Protein backbone atom coordinates (compact mmCIF):
# COMPACT_ATOMS: atom_id res chain seq x y z
CA UNK A 1 0.00 0.00 0.00
CA UNK A 2 1.36 3.40 -0.93
CA UNK A 3 1.00 6.76 0.80
CA UNK A 4 -0.84 7.96 -2.31
CA UNK A 5 -3.48 5.23 -1.96
CA UNK A 6 -3.79 5.98 1.74
CA UNK A 7 -4.40 9.65 0.96
CA UNK A 8 -6.88 8.81 -1.81
CA UNK A 9 -8.84 6.57 0.54
CA UNK A 10 -8.63 9.14 3.32
CA UNK A 11 -9.99 11.92 1.10
CA UNK A 12 -12.81 9.65 -0.11
CA UNK A 13 -13.76 8.91 3.47
CA UNK A 14 -13.28 12.27 5.15
CA UNK A 15 -12.39 15.04 2.71
CA UNK A 16 -9.23 17.11 2.50
CA UNK A 17 -8.51 17.03 6.24
CA UNK A 18 -8.56 13.26 6.31
CA UNK A 19 -5.71 12.24 8.63
CA UNK A 20 -7.38 12.58 12.03
CA UNK A 21 -10.77 11.15 10.93
CA UNK A 22 -9.01 8.24 9.27
CA UNK A 23 -6.91 7.63 12.38
CA UNK A 24 -10.13 7.49 14.39
CA UNK A 25 -11.83 5.18 11.90
CA UNK A 26 -8.89 2.76 11.82
CA UNK A 27 -8.39 2.67 15.59
CA UNK A 28 -11.24 0.25 16.37
CA UNK A 29 -10.07 -2.01 13.52
CA UNK A 30 -6.49 -2.44 14.77
CA UNK A 31 -5.56 -6.14 14.74
CA UNK A 32 -3.97 -5.96 18.21
CA UNK A 33 -7.26 -4.79 19.65
CA UNK A 34 -9.54 -1.81 19.33
CA UNK A 35 -8.28 1.59 20.30
CA UNK A 36 -9.68 5.10 20.12
CA UNK A 37 -7.46 6.02 17.20
CA UNK A 38 -4.15 5.42 15.48
CA UNK A 39 -1.54 7.78 16.92
CA UNK A 40 -1.25 10.95 14.85
CA UNK A 41 2.54 10.81 14.46
CA UNK A 42 2.23 7.27 13.09
CA UNK A 43 -0.52 8.29 10.66
CA UNK A 44 1.68 11.17 9.48
CA UNK A 45 4.63 8.85 8.94
CA UNK A 46 2.45 6.52 6.87
CA UNK A 47 1.13 9.44 4.82
CA UNK A 48 4.63 10.80 4.19
CA UNK A 49 6.09 7.42 3.30
CA UNK A 50 8.40 7.52 6.31
CA UNK A 51 6.98 4.31 7.72
CA UNK A 52 5.56 1.29 5.94
CA UNK A 53 1.78 1.02 6.08
CA UNK A 54 0.89 -2.29 7.77
CA UNK A 55 -0.84 -5.00 5.75
CA UNK A 56 -4.00 -4.85 7.89
CA UNK A 57 -4.73 -1.27 6.78
CA UNK A 58 -5.63 -2.18 3.18
CA UNK A 59 -8.57 -4.52 3.99
CA UNK A 60 -9.70 -2.16 6.75
CA UNK A 61 -9.82 0.68 4.22
CA UNK A 62 -11.70 -1.47 1.72
CA UNK A 63 -14.39 -2.13 4.31
CA UNK A 64 -14.58 1.53 5.33
CA UNK A 65 -14.78 2.66 1.70
CA UNK A 66 -17.55 0.20 0.84
CA UNK A 67 -19.52 1.33 3.88
CA UNK A 68 -19.03 4.97 2.85
CA UNK A 69 -20.19 4.17 -0.68
CA UNK A 70 -23.33 2.49 0.67
CA UNK A 71 -24.02 5.43 2.99
CA UNK A 72 -23.62 7.90 0.10
CA UNK A 73 -25.87 5.79 -2.12
CA UNK A 74 -28.55 5.75 0.58
CA UNK A 75 -28.23 9.52 1.06
CA UNK A 76 -28.52 10.05 -2.70
CA UNK A 77 -31.69 7.94 -2.80
CA UNK A 78 -33.16 9.99 0.05
CA UNK A 79 -32.26 13.25 -1.68
CA UNK A 80 -33.83 12.07 -4.94
CA UNK A 81 -37.00 10.99 -3.14
CA UNK A 82 -37.21 14.38 -1.39
CA UNK A 83 -36.69 16.19 -4.70
CA UNK A 84 -39.41 14.07 -6.31
CA UNK A 85 -41.79 14.83 -3.44
CA UNK A 86 -41.15 18.56 -3.79
CA UNK A 87 -41.91 18.53 -7.51
CA UNK A 88 -45.33 16.91 -7.13
PDB file of N, CA and C in Angstrom:
ATOM      1  N   UNK A   1       0.862  -1.172   0.000  1.00  0.00           N
ATOM      2  CA  UNK A   1       0.000   0.000   0.000  1.00  0.00           C
ATOM      3  C   UNK A   1       0.899   1.223   0.000  1.00  0.00           C
ATOM      4  N   UNK A   2       0.540   2.199  -0.811  1.00  0.00           N
ATOM      5  CA  UNK A   2       1.357   3.402  -0.930  1.00  0.00           C
ATOM      6  C   UNK A   2       0.737   4.562  -0.146  1.00  0.00           C
ATOM      7  N   UNK A   3       1.549   5.554   0.167  1.00  0.00           N
ATOM      8  CA  UNK A   3       1.000   6.758   0.799  1.00  0.00           C
ATOM      9  C   UNK A   3      -0.048   7.438  -0.084  1.00  0.00           C
ATOM     10  N   UNK A   4       0.123   7.358  -1.395  1.00  0.00           N
ATOM     11  CA  UNK A   4      -0.843   7.960  -2.308  1.00  0.00           C
ATOM     12  C   UNK A   4      -2.212   7.286  -2.207  1.00  0.00           C
ATOM     13  N   UNK A   5      -2.216   5.950  -2.119  1.00  0.00           N
ATOM     14  CA  UNK A   5      -3.483   5.227  -1.959  1.00  0.00           C
ATOM     15  C   UNK A   5      -4.111   5.517  -0.606  1.00  0.00           C
ATOM     16  N   UNK A   6      -3.278   5.633   0.419  1.00  0.00           N
ATOM     17  CA  UNK A   6      -3.785   5.985   1.744  1.00  0.00           C
ATOM     18  C   UNK A   6      -4.471   7.341   1.698  1.00  0.00           C
ATOM     19  N   UNK A   7      -3.825   8.312   1.061  1.00  0.00           N
ATOM     20  CA  UNK A   7      -4.397   9.654   0.961  1.00  0.00           C
ATOM     21  C   UNK A   7      -5.673   9.652   0.121  1.00  0.00           C
ATOM     22  N   UNK A   8      -5.680   8.897  -0.964  1.00  0.00           N
ATOM     23  CA  UNK A   8      -6.878   8.814  -1.806  1.00  0.00           C
ATOM     24  C   UNK A   8      -8.048   8.240  -1.013  1.00  0.00           C
ATOM     25  N   UNK A   9      -7.794   7.176  -0.290  1.00  0.00           N
ATOM     26  CA  UNK A   9      -8.843   6.571   0.538  1.00  0.00           C
ATOM     27  C   UNK A   9      -9.276   7.539   1.635  1.00  0.00           C
ATOM     28  N   UNK A  10      -8.317   8.187   2.261  1.00  0.00           N
ATOM     29  CA  UNK A  10      -8.633   9.141   3.320  1.00  0.00           C
ATOM     30  C   UNK A  10      -9.506  10.278   2.831  1.00  0.00           C
ATOM     31  N   UNK A  11      -9.171  10.830   1.661  1.00  0.00           N
ATOM     32  CA  UNK A  11      -9.988  11.919   1.098  1.00  0.00           C
ATOM     33  C   UNK A  11     -11.394  11.428   0.743  1.00  0.00           C
ATOM     34  N   UNK A  12     -11.493  10.209   0.223  1.00  0.00           N
ATOM     35  CA  UNK A  12     -12.808   9.654  -0.113  1.00  0.00           C
ATOM     36  C   UNK A  12     -13.669   9.458   1.131  1.00  0.00           C
ATOM     37  N   UNK A  13     -13.028   9.146   2.232  1.00  0.00           N
ATOM     38  CA  UNK A  13     -13.757   8.906   3.473  1.00  0.00           C
ATOM     39  C   UNK A  13     -14.066  10.179   4.251  1.00  0.00           C
ATOM     40  N   UNK A  14     -13.148  11.153   4.211  1.00  0.00           N
ATOM     41  CA  UNK A  14     -13.279  12.272   5.151  1.00  0.00           C
ATOM     42  C   UNK A  14     -12.960  13.642   4.570  1.00  0.00           C
ATOM     43  N   UNK A  15     -12.690  13.735   3.290  1.00  0.00           N
ATOM     44  CA  UNK A  15     -12.392  15.039   2.706  1.00  0.00           C
ATOM     45  C   UNK A  15     -10.921  15.396   2.824  1.00  0.00           C
ATOM     46  N   UNK A  16     -10.622  16.668   2.571  1.00  0.00           N
ATOM     47  CA  UNK A  16      -9.230  17.113   2.498  1.00  0.00           C
ATOM     48  C   UNK A  16      -8.480  16.990   3.824  1.00  0.00           C
ATOM     49  N   UNK A  17      -9.145  17.179   4.924  1.00  0.00           N
ATOM     50  CA  UNK A  17      -8.511  17.030   6.243  1.00  0.00           C
ATOM     51  C   UNK A  17      -8.775  15.619   6.767  1.00  0.00           C
ATOM     52  N   UNK A  18      -8.210  14.657   6.110  1.00  0.00           N
ATOM     53  CA  UNK A  18      -8.561  13.259   6.314  1.00  0.00           C
ATOM     54  C   UNK A  18      -7.759  12.538   7.385  1.00  0.00           C
ATOM     55  N   UNK A  19      -6.603  13.029   7.768  1.00  0.00           N
ATOM     56  CA  UNK A  19      -5.709  12.244   8.630  1.00  0.00           C
ATOM     57  C   UNK A  19      -6.318  11.899   9.989  1.00  0.00           C
ATOM     58  N   UNK A  20      -6.827  12.876  10.700  1.00  0.00           N
ATOM     59  CA  UNK A  20      -7.385  12.583  12.030  1.00  0.00           C
ATOM     60  C   UNK A  20      -8.646  11.714  11.927  1.00  0.00           C
ATOM     61  N   UNK A  21      -9.605  12.035  11.038  1.00  0.00           N
ATOM     62  CA  UNK A  21     -10.775  11.147  10.931  1.00  0.00           C
ATOM     63  C   UNK A  21     -10.401   9.718  10.534  1.00  0.00           C
ATOM     64  N   UNK A  22      -9.414   9.589   9.657  1.00  0.00           N
ATOM     65  CA  UNK A  22      -9.010   8.236   9.266  1.00  0.00           C
ATOM     66  C   UNK A  22      -8.335   7.519  10.435  1.00  0.00           C
ATOM     67  N   UNK A  23      -7.541   8.232  11.194  1.00  0.00           N
ATOM     68  CA  UNK A  23      -6.911   7.630  12.381  1.00  0.00           C
ATOM     69  C   UNK A  23      -7.973   7.134  13.353  1.00  0.00           C
ATOM     70  N   UNK A  24      -9.038   7.899  13.497  1.00  0.00           N
ATOM     71  CA  UNK A  24     -10.133   7.485  14.391  1.00  0.00           C
ATOM     72  C   UNK A  24     -10.895   6.290  13.822  1.00  0.00           C
ATOM     73  N   UNK A  25     -11.098   6.281  12.515  1.00  0.00           N
ATOM     74  CA  UNK A  25     -11.831   5.176  11.896  1.00  0.00           C
ATOM     75  C   UNK A  25     -11.035   3.869  11.947  1.00  0.00           C
ATOM     76  N   UNK A  26      -9.719   3.968  11.815  1.00  0.00           N
ATOM     77  CA  UNK A  26      -8.894   2.763  11.820  1.00  0.00           C
ATOM     78  C   UNK A  26      -8.630   2.232  13.228  1.00  0.00           C
ATOM     79  N   UNK A  27      -8.683   3.084  14.226  1.00  0.00           N
ATOM     80  CA  UNK A  27      -8.387   2.665  15.591  1.00  0.00           C
ATOM     81  C   UNK A  27      -9.154   1.429  16.042  1.00  0.00           C
ATOM     82  N   UNK A  28     -10.476   1.423  15.924  1.00  0.00           N
ATOM     83  CA  UNK A  28     -11.242   0.249  16.371  1.00  0.00           C
ATOM     84  C   UNK A  28     -10.961  -1.013  15.555  1.00  0.00           C
ATOM     85  N   UNK A  29     -10.332  -0.867  14.389  1.00  0.00           N
ATOM     86  CA  UNK A  29     -10.068  -2.009  13.516  1.00  0.00           C
ATOM     87  C   UNK A  29      -8.660  -2.566  13.677  1.00  0.00           C
ATOM     88  N   UNK A  30      -7.889  -2.012  14.582  1.00  0.00           N
ATOM     89  CA  UNK A  30      -6.493  -2.443  14.768  1.00  0.00           C
ATOM     90  C   UNK A  30      -6.454  -3.925  15.139  1.00  0.00           C
ATOM     91  N   UNK A  31      -5.587  -4.688  14.496  1.00  0.00           N
ATOM     92  CA  UNK A  31      -5.556  -6.138  14.743  1.00  0.00           C
ATOM     93  C   UNK A  31      -5.093  -6.532  16.149  1.00  0.00           C
ATOM     94  N   UNK A  32      -4.403  -5.651  16.834  1.00  0.00           N
ATOM     95  CA  UNK A  32      -3.975  -5.958  18.205  1.00  0.00           C
ATOM     96  C   UNK A  32      -5.022  -5.570  19.234  1.00  0.00           C
ATOM     97  N   UNK A  33      -6.171  -5.167  18.757  1.00  0.00           N
ATOM     98  CA  UNK A  33      -7.255  -4.791  19.652  1.00  0.00           C
ATOM     99  C   UNK A  33      -7.709  -3.372  19.383  1.00  0.00           C
ATOM    100  N   UNK A  34      -8.991  -3.130  19.605  1.00  0.00           N
ATOM    101  CA  UNK A  34      -9.536  -1.806  19.326  1.00  0.00           C
ATOM    102  C   UNK A  34      -8.885  -0.744  20.182  1.00  0.00           C
ATOM    103  N   UNK A  35      -8.765   0.418  19.596  1.00  0.00           N
ATOM    104  CA  UNK A  35      -8.276   1.591  20.303  1.00  0.00           C
ATOM    105  C   UNK A  35      -9.023   2.805  19.792  1.00  0.00           C
ATOM    106  N   UNK A  36      -8.940   3.888  20.502  1.00  0.00           N
ATOM    107  CA  UNK A  36      -9.679   5.097  20.116  1.00  0.00           C
ATOM    108  C   UNK A  36      -9.253   5.582  18.738  1.00  0.00           C
ATOM    109  N   UNK A  37      -7.952   5.589  18.505  1.00  0.00           N
ATOM    110  CA  UNK A  37      -7.455   6.016  17.197  1.00  0.00           C
ATOM    111  C   UNK A  37      -6.009   5.567  17.018  1.00  0.00           C
ATOM    112  N   UNK A  38      -5.560   5.624  15.783  1.00  0.00           N
ATOM    113  CA  UNK A  38      -4.148   5.423  15.482  1.00  0.00           C
ATOM    114  C   UNK A  38      -3.431   6.705  15.887  1.00  0.00           C
ATOM    115  N   UNK A  39      -2.280   6.592  16.486  1.00  0.00           N
ATOM    116  CA  UNK A  39      -1.545   7.779  16.922  1.00  0.00           C
ATOM    117  C   UNK A  39      -1.242   8.692  15.733  1.00  0.00           C
ATOM    118  N   UNK A  40      -1.443   9.979  15.926  1.00  0.00           N
ATOM    119  CA  UNK A  40      -1.255  10.950  14.853  1.00  0.00           C
ATOM    120  C   UNK A  40       0.152  10.938  14.254  1.00  0.00           C
ATOM    121  N   UNK A  41       1.210  10.860  15.071  1.00  0.00           N
ATOM    122  CA  UNK A  41       2.538  10.808  14.459  1.00  0.00           C
ATOM    123  C   UNK A  41       2.716   9.594  13.545  1.00  0.00           C
ATOM    124  N   UNK A  42       2.136   8.464  13.925  1.00  0.00           N
ATOM    125  CA  UNK A  42       2.228   7.275  13.091  1.00  0.00           C
ATOM    126  C   UNK A  42       1.465   7.471  11.791  1.00  0.00           C
ATOM    127  N   UNK A  43       0.256   8.026  11.871  1.00  0.00           N
ATOM    128  CA  UNK A  43      -0.521   8.292  10.665  1.00  0.00           C
ATOM    129  C   UNK A  43       0.248   9.231   9.733  1.00  0.00           C
ATOM    130  N   UNK A  44       0.882  10.237  10.290  1.00  0.00           N
ATOM    131  CA  UNK A  44       1.677  11.171   9.480  1.00  0.00           C
ATOM    132  C   UNK A  44       2.849  10.469   8.814  1.00  0.00           C
ATOM    133  N   UNK A  45       3.503   9.587   9.537  1.00  0.00           N
ATOM    134  CA  UNK A  45       4.625   8.847   8.945  1.00  0.00           C
ATOM    135  C   UNK A  45       4.162   7.958   7.799  1.00  0.00           C
ATOM    136  N   UNK A  46       3.001   7.316   7.968  1.00  0.00           N
ATOM    137  CA  UNK A  46       2.448   6.523   6.868  1.00  0.00           C
ATOM    138  C   UNK A  46       2.186   7.416   5.666  1.00  0.00           C
ATOM    139  N   UNK A  47       1.533   8.545   5.910  1.00  0.00           N
ATOM    140  CA  UNK A  47       1.135   9.442   4.824  1.00  0.00           C
ATOM    141  C   UNK A  47       2.337  10.030   4.091  1.00  0.00           C
ATOM    142  N   UNK A  48       3.424  10.220   4.797  1.00  0.00           N
ATOM    143  CA  UNK A  48       4.631  10.804   4.194  1.00  0.00           C
ATOM    144  C   UNK A  48       5.581   9.748   3.633  1.00  0.00           C
ATOM    145  N   UNK A  49       5.226   8.484   3.791  1.00  0.00           N
ATOM    146  CA  UNK A  49       6.087   7.417   3.301  1.00  0.00           C
ATOM    147  C   UNK A  49       7.299   7.188   4.180  1.00  0.00           C
ATOM    148  N   UNK A  50       7.274   7.685   5.390  1.00  0.00           N
ATOM    149  CA  UNK A  50       8.398   7.523   6.315  1.00  0.00           C
ATOM    150  C   UNK A  50       8.328   6.216   7.088  1.00  0.00           C
ATOM    151  N   UNK A  51       7.175   5.593   7.035  1.00  0.00           N
ATOM    152  CA  UNK A  51       6.984   4.313   7.722  1.00  0.00           C
ATOM    153  C   UNK A  51       6.065   3.463   6.854  1.00  0.00           C
ATOM    154  N   UNK A  52       6.372   2.189   6.752  1.00  0.00           N
ATOM    155  CA  UNK A  52       5.559   1.286   5.939  1.00  0.00           C
ATOM    156  C   UNK A  52       4.154   1.166   6.527  1.00  0.00           C
ATOM    157  N   UNK A  53       3.169   1.170   5.654  1.00  0.00           N
ATOM    158  CA  UNK A  53       1.779   1.025   6.080  1.00  0.00           C
ATOM    159  C   UNK A  53       1.534  -0.473   6.293  1.00  0.00           C
ATOM    160  N   UNK A  54       1.084  -0.862   7.473  1.00  0.00           N
ATOM    161  CA  UNK A  54       0.894  -2.291   7.767  1.00  0.00           C
ATOM    162  C   UNK A  54      -0.135  -2.944   6.839  1.00  0.00           C
ATOM    163  N   UNK A  55       0.029  -4.233   6.649  1.00  0.00           N
ATOM    164  CA  UNK A  55      -0.844  -4.996   5.753  1.00  0.00           C
ATOM    165  C   UNK A  55      -2.312  -4.946   6.156  1.00  0.00           C
ATOM    166  N   UNK A  56      -2.607  -4.821   7.437  1.00  0.00           N
ATOM    167  CA  UNK A  56      -4.001  -4.846   7.886  1.00  0.00           C
ATOM    168  C   UNK A  56      -4.774  -3.601   7.455  1.00  0.00           C
ATOM    169  N   UNK A  57      -4.058  -2.532   7.109  1.00  0.00           N
ATOM    170  CA  UNK A  57      -4.732  -1.274   6.776  1.00  0.00           C
ATOM    171  C   UNK A  57      -5.512  -1.389   5.468  1.00  0.00           C
ATOM    172  N   UNK A  58      -4.953  -2.078   4.483  1.00  0.00           N
ATOM    173  CA  UNK A  58      -5.630  -2.183   3.177  1.00  0.00           C
ATOM    174  C   UNK A  58      -7.033  -2.789   3.303  1.00  0.00           C
ATOM    175  N   UNK A  59      -7.204  -3.980   3.893  1.00  0.00           N
ATOM    176  CA  UNK A  59      -8.570  -4.517   3.989  1.00  0.00           C
ATOM    177  C   UNK A  59      -9.471  -3.677   4.895  1.00  0.00           C
ATOM    178  N   UNK A  60      -8.895  -3.038   5.899  1.00  0.00           N
ATOM    179  CA  UNK A  60      -9.704  -2.158   6.746  1.00  0.00           C
ATOM    180  C   UNK A  60     -10.237  -0.987   5.921  1.00  0.00           C
ATOM    181  N   UNK A  61      -9.381  -0.420   5.072  1.00  0.00           N
ATOM    182  CA  UNK A  61      -9.823   0.684   4.215  1.00  0.00           C
ATOM    183  C   UNK A  61     -10.874   0.236   3.211  1.00  0.00           C
ATOM    184  N   UNK A  62     -10.699  -0.950   2.666  1.00  0.00           N
ATOM    185  CA  UNK A  62     -11.698  -1.471   1.716  1.00  0.00           C
ATOM    186  C   UNK A  62     -13.066  -1.526   2.382  1.00  0.00           C
ATOM    187  N   UNK A  63     -13.121  -2.060   3.593  1.00  0.00           N
ATOM    188  CA  UNK A  63     -14.394  -2.128   4.312  1.00  0.00           C
ATOM    189  C   UNK A  63     -14.962  -0.751   4.601  1.00  0.00           C
ATOM    190  N   UNK A  64     -14.117   0.168   5.040  1.00  0.00           N
ATOM    191  CA  UNK A  64     -14.585   1.535   5.327  1.00  0.00           C
ATOM    192  C   UNK A  64     -15.083   2.222   4.061  1.00  0.00           C
ATOM    193  N   UNK A  65     -14.377   2.022   2.960  1.00  0.00           N
ATOM    194  CA  UNK A  65     -14.784   2.664   1.703  1.00  0.00           C
ATOM    195  C   UNK A  65     -16.100   2.093   1.177  1.00  0.00           C
ATOM    196  N   UNK A  66     -16.275   0.782   1.271  1.00  0.00           N
ATOM    197  CA  UNK A  66     -17.548   0.196   0.835  1.00  0.00           C
ATOM    198  C   UNK A  66     -18.702   0.698   1.696  1.00  0.00           C
ATOM    199  N   UNK A  67     -18.471   0.810   2.993  1.00  0.00           N
ATOM    200  CA  UNK A  67     -19.520   1.334   3.877  1.00  0.00           C
ATOM    201  C   UNK A  67     -19.845   2.769   3.521  1.00  0.00           C
ATOM    202  N   UNK A  68     -18.820   3.572   3.247  1.00  0.00           N
ATOM    203  CA  UNK A  68     -19.027   4.971   2.851  1.00  0.00           C
ATOM    204  C   UNK A  68     -19.815   5.040   1.546  1.00  0.00           C
ATOM    205  N   UNK A  69     -19.478   4.200   0.594  1.00  0.00           N
ATOM    206  CA  UNK A  69     -20.192   4.173  -0.678  1.00  0.00           C
ATOM    207  C   UNK A  69     -21.665   3.828  -0.471  1.00  0.00           C
ATOM    208  N   UNK A  70     -21.937   2.854   0.393  1.00  0.00           N
ATOM    209  CA  UNK A  70     -23.326   2.492   0.673  1.00  0.00           C
ATOM    210  C   UNK A  70     -24.067   3.635   1.358  1.00  0.00           C
ATOM    211  N   UNK A  71     -23.404   4.302   2.299  1.00  0.00           N
ATOM    212  CA  UNK A  71     -24.019   5.434   2.985  1.00  0.00           C
ATOM    213  C   UNK A  71     -24.338   6.564   2.001  1.00  0.00           C
ATOM    214  N   UNK A  72     -23.400   6.845   1.098  1.00  0.00           N
ATOM    215  CA  UNK A  72     -23.624   7.901   0.097  1.00  0.00           C
ATOM    216  C   UNK A  72     -24.753   7.522  -0.859  1.00  0.00           C
ATOM    217  N   UNK A  73     -24.807   6.250  -1.237  1.00  0.00           N
ATOM    218  CA  UNK A  73     -25.875   5.790  -2.119  1.00  0.00           C
ATOM    219  C   UNK A  73     -27.237   5.957  -1.448  1.00  0.00           C
ATOM    220  N   UNK A  74     -27.304   5.596  -0.181  1.00  0.00           N
ATOM    221  CA  UNK A  74     -28.546   5.746   0.577  1.00  0.00           C
ATOM    222  C   UNK A  74     -28.932   7.227   0.682  1.00  0.00           C
ATOM    223  N   UNK A  75     -27.960   8.079   0.962  1.00  0.00           N
ATOM    224  CA  UNK A  75     -28.231   9.518   1.061  1.00  0.00           C
ATOM    225  C   UNK A  75     -28.689  10.076  -0.283  1.00  0.00           C
ATOM    226  N   UNK A  76     -28.107   9.600  -1.369  1.00  0.00           N
ATOM    227  CA  UNK A  76     -28.521  10.050  -2.699  1.00  0.00           C
ATOM    228  C   UNK A  76     -29.957   9.623  -2.987  1.00  0.00           C
ATOM    229  N   UNK A  77     -30.314   8.403  -2.608  1.00  0.00           N
ATOM    230  CA  UNK A  77     -31.694   7.941  -2.796  1.00  0.00           C
ATOM    231  C   UNK A  77     -32.673   8.803  -2.003  1.00  0.00           C
ATOM    232  N   UNK A  78     -32.307   9.142  -0.770  1.00  0.00           N
ATOM    233  CA  UNK A  78     -33.163   9.989   0.050  1.00  0.00           C
ATOM    234  C   UNK A  78     -33.306  11.382  -0.544  1.00  0.00           C
ATOM    235  N   UNK A  79     -32.205  11.923  -1.063  1.00  0.00           N
ATOM    236  CA  UNK A  79     -32.257  13.247  -1.680  1.00  0.00           C
ATOM    237  C   UNK A  79     -33.120  13.224  -2.939  1.00  0.00           C
ATOM    238  N   UNK A  80     -33.009  12.185  -3.741  1.00  0.00           N
ATOM    239  CA  UNK A  80     -33.831  12.069  -4.943  1.00  0.00           C
ATOM    240  C   UNK A  80     -35.309  11.945  -4.582  1.00  0.00           C
ATOM    241  N   UNK A  81     -35.589  11.149  -3.560  1.00  0.00           N
ATOM    242  CA  UNK A  81     -36.998  10.994  -3.139  1.00  0.00           C
ATOM    243  C   UNK A  81     -37.551  12.320  -2.629  1.00  0.00           C
ATOM    244  N   UNK A  82     -36.760  13.083  -1.883  1.00  0.00           N
ATOM    245  CA  UNK A  82     -37.205  14.384  -1.391  1.00  0.00           C
ATOM    246  C   UNK A  82     -37.432  15.357  -2.555  1.00  0.00           C
ATOM    247  N   UNK A  83     -36.529  15.332  -3.531  1.00  0.00           N
ATOM    248  CA  UNK A  83     -36.692  16.192  -4.702  1.00  0.00           C
ATOM    249  C   UNK A  83     -37.950  15.822  -5.468  1.00  0.00           C
ATOM    250  N   UNK A  84     -38.193  14.524  -5.626  1.00  0.00           N
ATOM    251  CA  UNK A  84     -39.411  14.074  -6.314  1.00  0.00           C
ATOM    252  C   UNK A  84     -40.654  14.541  -5.554  1.00  0.00           C
ATOM    253  N   UNK A  85     -40.629  14.425  -4.245  1.00  0.00           N
ATOM    254  CA  UNK A  85     -41.785  14.833  -3.443  1.00  0.00           C
ATOM    255  C   UNK A  85     -42.035  16.320  -3.563  1.00  0.00           C
ATOM    256  N   UNK A  86     -41.001  17.100  -3.673  1.00  0.00           N
ATOM    257  CA  UNK A  86     -41.149  18.556  -3.789  1.00  0.00           C
ATOM    258  C   UNK A  86     -41.668  18.988  -5.161  1.00  0.00           C
ATOM    259  N   UNK A  87     -41.470  18.153  -6.170  1.00  0.00           N
ATOM    260  CA  UNK A  87     -41.912  18.528  -7.512  1.00  0.00           C
ATOM    261  C   UNK A  87     -43.337  18.107  -7.801  1.00  0.00           C
ATOM    262  N   UNK A  88     -43.939  17.374  -6.909  1.00  0.00           N
ATOM    263  CA  UNK A  88     -45.333  16.909  -7.129  1.00  0.00           C
ATOM    264  C   UNK A  88     -46.338  17.977  -6.798  1.00  0.00           C
TER     265      UNK A  88
END
